[in-house]
Amino acid sequence: MLVVQLTRLDRHRQIVLIRRQGAGRVRRECARRISGLIEIRACLPWLNAEIALIKPQVLVCLGATAAQALLGKQFRVTQHRGEFVESPLAPRVMATVHPSSILRAPDDETRHAETQRFVEDLKKVAAVLK
C-alpha cells in the first residue's frame, strides 16, 4: 500500500514523499510552522536522513521553495515542471507548482488550465507507481 505524507518546509510550501506503508515516518519537528532559509537549512539534514531511510521510489516537490531546497538553488520549476529529473534522493524526482499558486491565478480560465496541468503532472507520478 502506498502512502502520501506531507512535510511542511514552511506554511505555504510542501514536499510530498511517496513511500510504502510502515517504512518510517517523517519527522514532526520539521513539520511545524517553519519559514525562512535558516529554518529550511536547519531541517534539511533530518529530511535527507528520512528520505535515505524511507528510500521513496518517487519524490514530488510542490513549489519552488521545496524544489530548490532539495534540488539546488539553480532549479527552476518554471523550466522543469512535470519532468522527472536526476537526483540522488530517489529514482524518480519531479517538481511541480504548489497547489496554492493555482488558487492565485488571475481568472477562472487560467485557474482551470493550471489545474489541468497540475493533474497531468500527478498522473505522470501515478503512472510510474503502477
N, C-alpha and C. Protein backbone atom coordinates (compact mmCIF):
# COMPACT_ATOMS: atom_id res chain seq x y z
N MET A 1 0.84 -1.18 0.00
CA MET A 1 0.00 0.00 0.00
C MET A 1 0.88 1.23 0.00
N LEU A 2 0.52 2.24 -0.77
CA LEU A 2 1.30 3.47 -0.84
C LEU A 2 0.68 4.54 0.03
N VAL A 3 1.53 5.34 0.63
CA VAL A 3 1.09 6.41 1.50
C VAL A 3 1.72 7.70 1.01
N VAL A 4 0.96 8.76 1.02
CA VAL A 4 1.50 10.08 0.69
C VAL A 4 1.60 10.83 1.99
N GLN A 5 2.78 11.33 2.30
CA GLN A 5 2.98 12.06 3.54
C GLN A 5 3.53 13.43 3.21
N LEU A 6 2.99 14.45 3.84
CA LEU A 6 3.40 15.82 3.58
C LEU A 6 4.33 16.31 4.68
N THR A 7 5.40 16.93 4.30
CA THR A 7 6.33 17.56 5.22
C THR A 7 6.37 19.04 4.89
N ARG A 8 6.01 19.86 5.80
CA ARG A 8 5.96 21.30 5.52
C ARG A 8 7.34 21.92 5.71
N LEU A 9 7.83 22.62 4.69
CA LEU A 9 9.06 23.38 4.82
C LEU A 9 8.75 24.80 5.29
N ASP A 10 7.62 25.30 4.92
CA ASP A 10 7.08 26.50 5.53
C ASP A 10 5.58 26.43 5.39
N ARG A 11 4.87 27.43 5.80
CA ARG A 11 3.42 27.27 5.84
C ARG A 11 2.78 27.23 4.47
N HIS A 12 3.51 27.52 3.41
CA HIS A 12 2.94 27.51 2.07
C HIS A 12 3.56 26.48 1.14
N ARG A 13 4.71 25.93 1.45
CA ARG A 13 5.40 25.01 0.55
C ARG A 13 5.46 23.64 1.18
N GLN A 14 5.37 22.60 0.37
CA GLN A 14 5.40 21.26 0.91
C GLN A 14 6.23 20.35 0.02
N ILE A 15 6.69 19.29 0.61
CA ILE A 15 7.36 18.22 -0.12
C ILE A 15 6.51 16.98 0.08
N VAL A 16 6.26 16.26 -0.95
CA VAL A 16 5.47 15.05 -0.84
C VAL A 16 6.41 13.87 -0.95
N LEU A 17 6.35 13.00 0.03
CA LEU A 17 7.12 11.76 0.00
C LEU A 17 6.14 10.63 -0.25
N ILE A 18 6.35 9.89 -1.30
CA ILE A 18 5.51 8.73 -1.58
C ILE A 18 6.31 7.51 -1.19
N ARG A 19 5.76 6.73 -0.26
CA ARG A 19 6.53 5.62 0.31
C ARG A 19 5.62 4.45 0.60
N ARG A 20 6.23 3.34 0.92
CA ARG A 20 5.47 2.15 1.29
C ARG A 20 5.04 2.25 2.75
N GLN A 21 3.86 1.71 3.02
CA GLN A 21 3.31 1.71 4.37
C GLN A 21 4.31 1.07 5.34
N GLY A 22 4.51 1.69 6.48
CA GLY A 22 5.35 1.12 7.52
C GLY A 22 6.84 1.33 7.31
N ALA A 23 7.25 2.11 6.34
CA ALA A 23 8.68 2.29 6.06
C ALA A 23 9.31 3.37 6.93
N GLY A 24 8.55 3.97 7.78
CA GLY A 24 9.09 5.03 8.62
C GLY A 24 8.16 6.22 8.60
N ARG A 25 8.49 7.24 9.32
CA ARG A 25 7.64 8.42 9.31
C ARG A 25 8.52 9.67 9.20
N VAL A 26 7.93 10.72 8.72
CA VAL A 26 8.65 11.98 8.55
C VAL A 26 8.68 12.70 9.89
N ARG A 27 9.79 13.26 10.22
CA ARG A 27 9.95 13.93 11.50
C ARG A 27 8.94 15.07 11.67
N ARG A 28 8.32 15.11 12.79
CA ARG A 28 7.33 16.16 13.08
C ARG A 28 8.02 17.46 13.49
N GLU A 29 9.27 17.40 13.91
CA GLU A 29 9.96 18.62 14.31
C GLU A 29 10.00 19.63 13.15
N CYS A 30 10.16 19.12 11.93
CA CYS A 30 10.22 20.00 10.77
C CYS A 30 8.86 20.21 10.15
N ALA A 31 7.84 19.57 10.68
CA ALA A 31 6.52 19.67 10.08
C ALA A 31 5.71 20.83 10.67
N ARG A 32 6.22 21.47 11.68
CA ARG A 32 5.51 22.60 12.26
C ARG A 32 5.74 23.84 11.41
N ARG A 33 5.04 24.89 11.76
CA ARG A 33 5.12 26.15 11.01
C ARG A 33 6.55 26.67 11.00
N ILE A 34 7.17 26.58 9.82
CA ILE A 34 8.57 26.97 9.67
C ILE A 34 8.66 27.90 8.47
N SER A 35 9.37 28.96 8.60
CA SER A 35 9.59 29.82 7.44
C SER A 35 11.02 30.33 7.47
N GLY A 36 11.52 30.66 6.29
CA GLY A 36 12.84 31.23 6.20
C GLY A 36 13.92 30.23 5.86
N LEU A 37 14.93 30.71 5.23
CA LEU A 37 16.04 29.89 4.78
C LEU A 37 16.79 29.22 5.93
N ILE A 38 16.93 29.91 7.05
CA ILE A 38 17.66 29.34 8.19
C ILE A 38 16.95 28.09 8.70
N GLU A 39 15.62 28.16 8.82
CA GLU A 39 14.86 27.00 9.30
C GLU A 39 14.89 25.86 8.30
N ILE A 40 14.81 26.17 7.01
CA ILE A 40 14.88 25.13 5.99
C ILE A 40 16.23 24.43 6.07
N ARG A 41 17.30 25.21 6.17
CA ARG A 41 18.63 24.61 6.29
C ARG A 41 18.76 23.77 7.55
N ALA A 42 18.13 24.24 8.64
CA ALA A 42 18.22 23.51 9.90
C ALA A 42 17.52 22.16 9.81
N CYS A 43 16.42 22.08 9.08
CA CYS A 43 15.65 20.83 8.99
C CYS A 43 16.08 19.93 7.85
N LEU A 44 16.84 20.47 6.91
CA LEU A 44 17.23 19.69 5.74
C LEU A 44 17.99 18.40 6.09
N PRO A 45 18.91 18.41 7.06
CA PRO A 45 19.58 17.14 7.40
C PRO A 45 18.60 16.06 7.87
N TRP A 46 17.61 16.45 8.67
CA TRP A 46 16.60 15.48 9.11
C TRP A 46 15.81 14.96 7.93
N LEU A 47 15.40 15.85 7.05
CA LEU A 47 14.61 15.44 5.89
C LEU A 47 15.43 14.51 5.00
N ASN A 48 16.69 14.86 4.75
CA ASN A 48 17.55 13.99 3.93
C ASN A 48 17.74 12.63 4.59
N ALA A 49 17.88 12.60 5.92
CA ALA A 49 18.02 11.32 6.63
C ALA A 49 16.74 10.49 6.50
N GLU A 50 15.60 11.14 6.60
CA GLU A 50 14.33 10.42 6.46
C GLU A 50 14.17 9.88 5.04
N ILE A 51 14.54 10.68 4.05
CA ILE A 51 14.46 10.23 2.66
C ILE A 51 15.37 9.03 2.46
N ALA A 52 16.57 9.08 3.03
CA ALA A 52 17.51 7.96 2.91
C ALA A 52 16.96 6.72 3.60
N LEU A 53 16.27 6.89 4.71
CA LEU A 53 15.69 5.76 5.44
C LEU A 53 14.49 5.18 4.70
N ILE A 54 13.62 6.04 4.20
CA ILE A 54 12.39 5.60 3.54
C ILE A 54 12.68 5.04 2.15
N LYS A 55 13.66 5.62 1.47
CA LYS A 55 14.00 5.23 0.10
C LYS A 55 12.77 5.27 -0.81
N PRO A 56 12.15 6.47 -0.96
CA PRO A 56 10.96 6.56 -1.80
C PRO A 56 11.29 6.26 -3.25
N GLN A 57 10.36 5.67 -3.97
CA GLN A 57 10.54 5.43 -5.39
C GLN A 57 10.31 6.72 -6.19
N VAL A 58 9.45 7.57 -5.65
CA VAL A 58 9.14 8.84 -6.30
C VAL A 58 9.10 9.93 -5.24
N LEU A 59 9.69 11.07 -5.56
CA LEU A 59 9.65 12.22 -4.68
C LEU A 59 9.11 13.38 -5.52
N VAL A 60 8.08 14.04 -5.03
CA VAL A 60 7.48 15.16 -5.75
C VAL A 60 7.61 16.41 -4.89
N CYS A 61 8.23 17.44 -5.44
CA CYS A 61 8.37 18.72 -4.75
C CYS A 61 7.26 19.64 -5.23
N LEU A 62 6.48 20.15 -4.29
CA LEU A 62 5.41 21.08 -4.63
C LEU A 62 5.89 22.50 -4.39
N GLY A 63 6.17 23.21 -5.46
CA GLY A 63 6.59 24.60 -5.36
C GLY A 63 8.09 24.79 -5.43
N ALA A 64 8.46 26.02 -5.71
CA ALA A 64 9.87 26.37 -5.89
C ALA A 64 10.68 26.23 -4.62
N THR A 65 10.11 26.58 -3.47
CA THR A 65 10.87 26.50 -2.22
C THR A 65 11.29 25.07 -1.94
N ALA A 66 10.34 24.14 -2.06
CA ALA A 66 10.66 22.72 -1.83
C ALA A 66 11.66 22.22 -2.86
N ALA A 67 11.42 22.56 -4.13
CA ALA A 67 12.31 22.09 -5.20
C ALA A 67 13.72 22.61 -5.03
N GLN A 68 13.85 23.88 -4.73
CA GLN A 68 15.19 24.45 -4.58
C GLN A 68 15.87 23.97 -3.31
N ALA A 69 15.11 23.69 -2.27
CA ALA A 69 15.71 23.16 -1.04
C ALA A 69 16.32 21.78 -1.29
N LEU A 70 15.67 20.97 -2.13
CA LEU A 70 16.15 19.60 -2.36
C LEU A 70 16.98 19.45 -3.63
N LEU A 71 16.73 20.27 -4.62
CA LEU A 71 17.40 20.10 -5.92
C LEU A 71 18.42 21.18 -6.23
N GLY A 72 18.53 22.18 -5.38
CA GLY A 72 19.52 23.24 -5.56
C GLY A 72 18.88 24.56 -5.95
N LYS A 73 19.58 25.62 -5.58
CA LYS A 73 19.05 26.97 -5.83
C LYS A 73 18.86 27.27 -7.30
N GLN A 74 19.61 26.60 -8.16
CA GLN A 74 19.52 26.87 -9.59
C GLN A 74 18.29 26.22 -10.23
N PHE A 75 17.62 25.31 -9.53
CA PHE A 75 16.47 24.62 -10.09
C PHE A 75 15.30 25.58 -10.28
N ARG A 76 14.66 25.51 -11.44
CA ARG A 76 13.51 26.35 -11.75
C ARG A 76 12.31 25.48 -12.09
N VAL A 77 11.27 25.57 -11.28
CA VAL A 77 10.04 24.81 -11.54
C VAL A 77 9.45 25.24 -12.87
N THR A 78 9.56 26.52 -13.20
CA THR A 78 9.00 27.01 -14.47
C THR A 78 9.64 26.34 -15.67
N GLN A 79 10.89 25.91 -15.55
CA GLN A 79 11.58 25.27 -16.67
C GLN A 79 11.43 23.75 -16.67
N HIS A 80 11.26 23.15 -15.49
CA HIS A 80 11.28 21.68 -15.39
C HIS A 80 10.00 21.10 -14.78
N ARG A 81 8.95 21.87 -14.78
CA ARG A 81 7.69 21.41 -14.20
C ARG A 81 7.22 20.13 -14.90
N GLY A 82 6.86 19.13 -14.08
CA GLY A 82 6.30 17.90 -14.61
C GLY A 82 7.30 16.96 -15.25
N GLU A 83 8.58 17.28 -15.17
CA GLU A 83 9.63 16.41 -15.72
C GLU A 83 10.29 15.64 -14.59
N PHE A 84 10.63 14.40 -14.86
CA PHE A 84 11.44 13.66 -13.89
C PHE A 84 12.88 14.08 -14.10
N VAL A 85 13.55 14.44 -13.01
CA VAL A 85 14.94 14.90 -13.08
C VAL A 85 15.82 13.95 -12.29
N GLU A 86 17.08 13.92 -12.64
CA GLU A 86 18.04 13.07 -11.92
C GLU A 86 18.34 13.66 -10.56
N SER A 87 18.39 12.79 -9.57
CA SER A 87 18.71 13.22 -8.21
C SER A 87 19.12 11.99 -7.42
N PRO A 88 20.05 12.15 -6.49
CA PRO A 88 20.41 11.02 -5.63
C PRO A 88 19.35 10.73 -4.57
N LEU A 89 18.33 11.58 -4.46
CA LEU A 89 17.31 11.43 -3.43
C LEU A 89 16.36 10.27 -3.68
N ALA A 90 16.05 10.01 -4.95
CA ALA A 90 15.10 8.96 -5.30
C ALA A 90 15.28 8.62 -6.77
N PRO A 91 14.85 7.43 -7.18
CA PRO A 91 14.97 7.07 -8.59
C PRO A 91 14.21 8.03 -9.50
N ARG A 92 13.08 8.55 -9.03
CA ARG A 92 12.28 9.49 -9.82
C ARG A 92 11.99 10.71 -8.95
N VAL A 93 12.37 11.87 -9.42
CA VAL A 93 12.11 13.13 -8.70
C VAL A 93 11.46 14.10 -9.67
N MET A 94 10.37 14.69 -9.23
CA MET A 94 9.65 15.65 -10.06
C MET A 94 9.30 16.88 -9.22
N ALA A 95 9.27 18.02 -9.87
CA ALA A 95 8.79 19.24 -9.23
C ALA A 95 7.62 19.77 -10.04
N THR A 96 6.67 20.31 -9.34
CA THR A 96 5.53 20.96 -9.98
C THR A 96 5.15 22.17 -9.13
N VAL A 97 4.14 22.88 -9.55
CA VAL A 97 3.73 24.07 -8.81
C VAL A 97 3.08 23.66 -7.50
N HIS A 98 3.06 24.57 -6.57
CA HIS A 98 2.34 24.35 -5.33
C HIS A 98 0.86 24.61 -5.60
N PRO A 99 -0.04 23.78 -5.08
CA PRO A 99 -1.47 23.97 -5.35
C PRO A 99 -1.99 25.36 -5.01
N SER A 100 -1.42 26.00 -4.01
CA SER A 100 -1.91 27.35 -3.66
C SER A 100 -1.66 28.35 -4.77
N SER A 101 -0.65 28.10 -5.61
CA SER A 101 -0.39 29.04 -6.72
C SER A 101 -1.52 28.99 -7.74
N ILE A 102 -2.17 27.84 -7.85
CA ILE A 102 -3.30 27.71 -8.77
C ILE A 102 -4.45 28.59 -8.29
N LEU A 103 -4.64 28.65 -6.99
CA LEU A 103 -5.71 29.47 -6.43
C LEU A 103 -5.48 30.96 -6.66
N ARG A 104 -4.23 31.34 -6.85
CA ARG A 104 -3.91 32.76 -7.08
C ARG A 104 -3.95 33.14 -8.55
N ALA A 105 -4.36 32.24 -9.43
CA ALA A 105 -4.46 32.55 -10.87
C ALA A 105 -5.42 33.72 -11.05
N PRO A 106 -5.15 34.57 -12.04
CA PRO A 106 -5.91 35.82 -12.18
C PRO A 106 -7.38 35.66 -12.58
N ASP A 107 -7.73 34.54 -13.23
CA ASP A 107 -9.12 34.37 -13.66
C ASP A 107 -9.47 32.88 -13.71
N ASP A 108 -10.75 32.60 -13.90
CA ASP A 108 -11.23 31.21 -13.90
C ASP A 108 -10.61 30.37 -15.00
N GLU A 109 -10.45 30.95 -16.17
CA GLU A 109 -9.89 30.21 -17.31
C GLU A 109 -8.46 29.77 -17.02
N THR A 110 -7.66 30.69 -16.50
CA THR A 110 -6.27 30.37 -16.15
C THR A 110 -6.23 29.36 -15.02
N ARG A 111 -7.09 29.54 -14.03
CA ARG A 111 -7.14 28.61 -12.90
C ARG A 111 -7.49 27.19 -13.38
N HIS A 112 -8.44 27.09 -14.28
CA HIS A 112 -8.82 25.79 -14.82
C HIS A 112 -7.65 25.16 -15.59
N ALA A 113 -6.99 25.95 -16.44
CA ALA A 113 -5.86 25.44 -17.23
C ALA A 113 -4.72 24.98 -16.32
N GLU A 114 -4.42 25.75 -15.29
CA GLU A 114 -3.34 25.39 -14.36
C GLU A 114 -3.70 24.15 -13.54
N THR A 115 -4.97 24.01 -13.20
CA THR A 115 -5.42 22.81 -12.50
C THR A 115 -5.21 21.59 -13.38
N GLN A 116 -5.55 21.69 -14.65
CA GLN A 116 -5.36 20.58 -15.58
C GLN A 116 -3.89 20.22 -15.71
N ARG A 117 -3.01 21.20 -15.80
CA ARG A 117 -1.57 20.93 -15.89
C ARG A 117 -1.08 20.24 -14.62
N PHE A 118 -1.56 20.68 -13.47
CA PHE A 118 -1.18 20.08 -12.20
C PHE A 118 -1.62 18.62 -12.14
N VAL A 119 -2.85 18.35 -12.55
CA VAL A 119 -3.37 16.98 -12.58
C VAL A 119 -2.54 16.12 -13.53
N GLU A 120 -2.16 16.66 -14.68
CA GLU A 120 -1.32 15.92 -15.63
C GLU A 120 0.03 15.57 -15.00
N ASP A 121 0.61 16.51 -14.25
CA ASP A 121 1.87 16.23 -13.57
C ASP A 121 1.70 15.05 -12.61
N LEU A 122 0.63 15.07 -11.83
CA LEU A 122 0.40 13.99 -10.86
C LEU A 122 0.06 12.68 -11.52
N LYS A 123 -0.56 12.73 -12.70
CA LYS A 123 -0.83 11.49 -13.45
C LYS A 123 0.47 10.82 -13.88
N LYS A 124 1.48 11.62 -14.21
CA LYS A 124 2.79 11.05 -14.55
C LYS A 124 3.37 10.28 -13.38
N VAL A 125 3.20 10.83 -12.18
CA VAL A 125 3.67 10.14 -10.98
C VAL A 125 2.90 8.85 -10.77
N ALA A 126 1.59 8.92 -10.90
CA ALA A 126 0.75 7.73 -10.73
C ALA A 126 1.12 6.63 -11.73
N ALA A 127 1.43 7.03 -12.96
CA ALA A 127 1.80 6.05 -13.98
C ALA A 127 3.10 5.33 -13.62
N VAL A 128 4.02 6.03 -13.03
CA VAL A 128 5.30 5.43 -12.63
C VAL A 128 5.11 4.45 -11.47
N LEU A 129 4.13 4.71 -10.63
CA LEU A 129 3.90 3.89 -9.45
C LEU A 129 3.11 2.63 -9.74
N LYS A 130 2.52 2.52 -10.92
CA LYS A 130 1.73 1.32 -11.26
C LYS A 130 2.61 0.12 -11.50
